Amino acid sequence: MTKDVLVTISGFHYEMSMAPDEEAEPVEVICPATYYFKNGKHYILYEEPVEGMSGTIKSKIKIKEDEFLEVDKSGLTNTHMFFEKGKLAVTQYETPYGSIVVGTHTKEMEFHETEDQIDVYVQYALDVGGDKIADCEIRLKVEAKG
């Protein structure tokens, strides 16, 4: 994999309050990023613009194949999220509007790697303040530029 990559993060949040026939809105972010591999872990670094606000969110993603996915965000939001199959992770999520306690219970995690691409799929339950609010899916694709 090259140092210069594109990262695509897409996902769905199926909120507990949604009607059965209501469809979840997809969310997708595509950003240029920097990739490196060190000590058996994949690292992806990128800055994400925030619509309607000045400033960015600096993100660092760390992946250890089928073991875990770790996301650190700093700037307009600050958090450290951790996903490991079968485990619950609780973190403080700081936003411009205040802080909340967020829990992620990872149900599924799949990792696939080729010479020019990494794909990660994570399915998890999201809770805020101990109350489950949504089932979520994230798809992360990292691909060499060009």
Protein backbone atom coordinates (compact mmCIF):
# COMPACT_ATOMS: atom_id res chain seq x y z
CA MET A 1 0.00 0.00 0.00
CA THR A 2 1.24 3.48 -0.80
CA LYS A 3 1.61 6.30 1.71
CA ASP A 4 -0.96 8.52 -0.07
CA VAL A 5 -4.43 6.97 0.08
CA LEU A 6 -8.12 7.78 -0.08
CA VAL A 7 -10.22 6.77 2.90
CA THR A 8 -13.96 6.21 2.50
CA ILE A 9 -16.05 5.81 5.64
CA SER A 10 -19.70 4.99 5.15
CA GLY A 11 -22.29 3.90 7.63
CA PHE A 12 -25.86 3.52 8.78
CA HIS A 13 -27.50 4.21 12.13
CA TYR A 14 -30.74 2.30 12.75
CA GLU A 15 -32.24 4.31 15.60
CA MET A 16 -34.40 2.52 18.15
CA SER A 17 -37.14 5.15 17.63
CA MET A 18 -37.41 4.49 13.87
CA ALA A 19 -40.63 3.05 12.46
CA PRO A 20 -40.22 -0.47 10.97
CA ASP A 21 -40.73 0.82 7.41
CA GLU A 22 -38.40 3.82 7.87
CA GLU A 23 -35.00 3.60 6.16
CA ALA A 24 -31.76 4.73 7.77
CA GLU A 25 -29.94 7.62 6.11
CA PRO A 26 -26.49 6.65 4.87
CA VAL A 27 -23.52 8.78 5.92
CA GLU A 28 -20.35 8.87 3.82
CA VAL A 29 -17.07 10.72 4.10
CA ILE A 30 -14.26 10.53 1.52
CA CYS A 31 -10.92 12.16 2.38
CA PRO A 32 -7.32 12.04 1.26
CA ALA A 33 -5.24 10.36 3.95
CA THR A 34 -1.80 9.14 4.90
CA TYR A 35 -1.23 5.41 5.48
CA TYR A 36 1.54 3.52 7.19
CA PHE A 37 2.08 0.07 8.71
CA LYS A 38 4.04 -0.24 11.95
CA ASN A 39 4.41 -2.99 14.57
CA GLY A 40 1.69 -5.14 13.00
CA LYS A 41 -0.87 -2.32 12.87
CA HIS A 42 -2.30 -0.25 10.01
CA TYR A 43 -2.53 3.53 10.60
CA ILE A 44 -4.65 5.98 8.61
CA LEU A 45 -4.36 9.74 9.32
CA TYR A 46 -6.70 12.34 7.80
CA GLU A 47 -8.48 15.63 8.40
CA GLU A 48 -12.23 15.82 8.00
CA PRO A 49 -13.98 19.13 7.22
CA VAL A 50 -17.19 19.82 9.16
CA GLU A 51 -20.11 21.18 7.18
CA GLY A 52 -21.37 24.52 8.47
CA MET A 53 -18.46 25.05 10.88
CA SER A 54 -14.97 26.44 10.55
CA GLY A 55 -12.27 24.01 11.52
CA THR A 56 -11.64 20.33 10.99
CA ILE A 57 -11.51 17.08 12.88
CA LYS A 58 -8.14 15.32 12.85
CA SER A 59 -8.59 11.57 12.84
CA LYS A 60 -6.24 8.67 13.40
CA ILE A 61 -7.47 5.15 12.74
CA LYS A 62 -5.49 2.17 13.98
CA ILE A 63 -6.37 -1.35 12.78
CA LYS A 64 -4.99 -4.65 13.95
CA GLU A 65 -6.50 -6.95 11.32
CA ASP A 66 -9.42 -8.98 12.75
CA GLU A 67 -8.61 -7.95 16.33
CA PHE A 68 -9.61 -4.29 16.73
CA LEU A 69 -10.34 -0.91 15.17
CA GLU A 70 -9.42 2.20 17.12
CA VAL A 71 -10.47 5.77 16.20
CA ASP A 72 -8.99 8.92 17.76
CA LYS A 73 -10.54 12.28 16.88
CA SER A 74 -9.34 15.73 17.91
CA GLY A 75 -10.29 19.28 17.00
CA LEU A 76 -13.98 20.22 16.80
CA THR A 77 -14.76 16.87 18.45
CA ASN A 78 -12.54 14.81 20.74
CA THR A 79 -12.94 11.12 21.41
CA HIS A 80 -11.23 7.76 21.51
CA MET A 81 -13.47 4.97 20.20
CA PHE A 82 -12.52 1.30 20.33
CA PHE A 83 -14.16 -1.61 18.50
CA GLU A 84 -13.38 -5.23 19.33
CA LYS A 85 -15.78 -8.07 18.51
CA GLY A 86 -17.87 -9.12 21.51
CA LYS A 87 -16.67 -6.26 23.71
CA LEU A 88 -18.22 -3.10 25.12
CA ALA A 89 -16.12 0.07 25.06
CA VAL A 90 -17.19 3.27 26.84
CA THR A 91 -15.73 6.69 26.07
CA GLN A 92 -16.28 10.39 26.55
CA TYR A 93 -17.32 12.11 23.30
CA GLU A 94 -16.65 15.87 23.39
CA THR A 95 -18.49 18.03 20.86
CA PRO A 96 -18.79 21.83 20.45
CA TYR A 97 -22.17 21.47 22.21
CA GLY A 98 -20.98 19.50 25.25
CA SER A 99 -19.77 16.06 26.31
CA ILE A 100 -21.62 12.74 26.32
CA VAL A 101 -20.72 9.25 27.47
CA VAL A 102 -20.92 6.85 24.52
CA GLY A 103 -20.75 3.07 24.57
CA THR A 104 -20.09 0.79 21.60
CA HIS A 105 -20.82 -2.94 21.80
CA THR A 106 -19.15 -4.51 18.76
CA LYS A 107 -21.16 -7.41 17.32
CA GLU A 108 -19.25 -8.12 14.09
CA MET A 109 -15.90 -7.09 12.65
CA GLU A 110 -14.41 -8.19 9.33
CA PHE A 111 -11.03 -7.24 7.85
CA HIS A 112 -9.87 -7.82 4.25
CA GLU A 113 -6.60 -6.67 2.73
CA THR A 114 -5.16 -6.71 -0.77
CA GLU A 115 -2.00 -5.08 -2.10
CA ASP A 116 -3.77 -1.77 -2.82
CA GLN A 117 -6.81 -1.79 -0.54
CA ILE A 118 -8.02 -2.43 3.01
CA ASP A 119 -11.70 -3.04 3.80
CA VAL A 120 -13.11 -3.14 7.32
CA TYR A 121 -16.74 -3.77 8.30
CA VAL A 122 -17.96 -3.15 11.86
CA GLN A 123 -21.47 -3.73 13.21
CA TYR A 124 -22.18 -2.40 16.70
CA ALA A 125 -24.83 -1.22 19.13
CA LEU A 126 -24.50 2.41 20.23
CA ASP A 127 -25.58 3.63 23.64
CA VAL A 128 -25.56 7.06 25.21
CA GLY A 129 -25.53 7.34 28.97
CA GLY A 130 -26.14 3.59 29.23
CA ASP A 131 -29.28 3.60 27.05
CA LYS A 132 -29.16 1.83 23.67
CA ILE A 133 -30.10 4.31 20.95
CA ALA A 134 -29.10 2.63 17.68
CA ASP A 135 -27.68 -0.33 15.83
CA CYS A 136 -24.89 0.85 13.54
CA GLU A 137 -22.72 -0.29 10.65
CA ILE A 138 -19.44 1.21 9.46
CA ARG A 139 -17.58 0.33 6.28
CA LEU A 140 -14.05 1.63 6.01
CA LYS A 141 -12.20 1.46 2.71
CA VAL A 142 -8.59 2.57 2.34
CA GLU A 143 -7.22 2.51 -1.20
CA ALA A 144 -4.01 3.61 -2.84
CA LYS A 145 -4.33 6.84 -4.83
CA GLY A 146 -4.01 6.45 -8.58
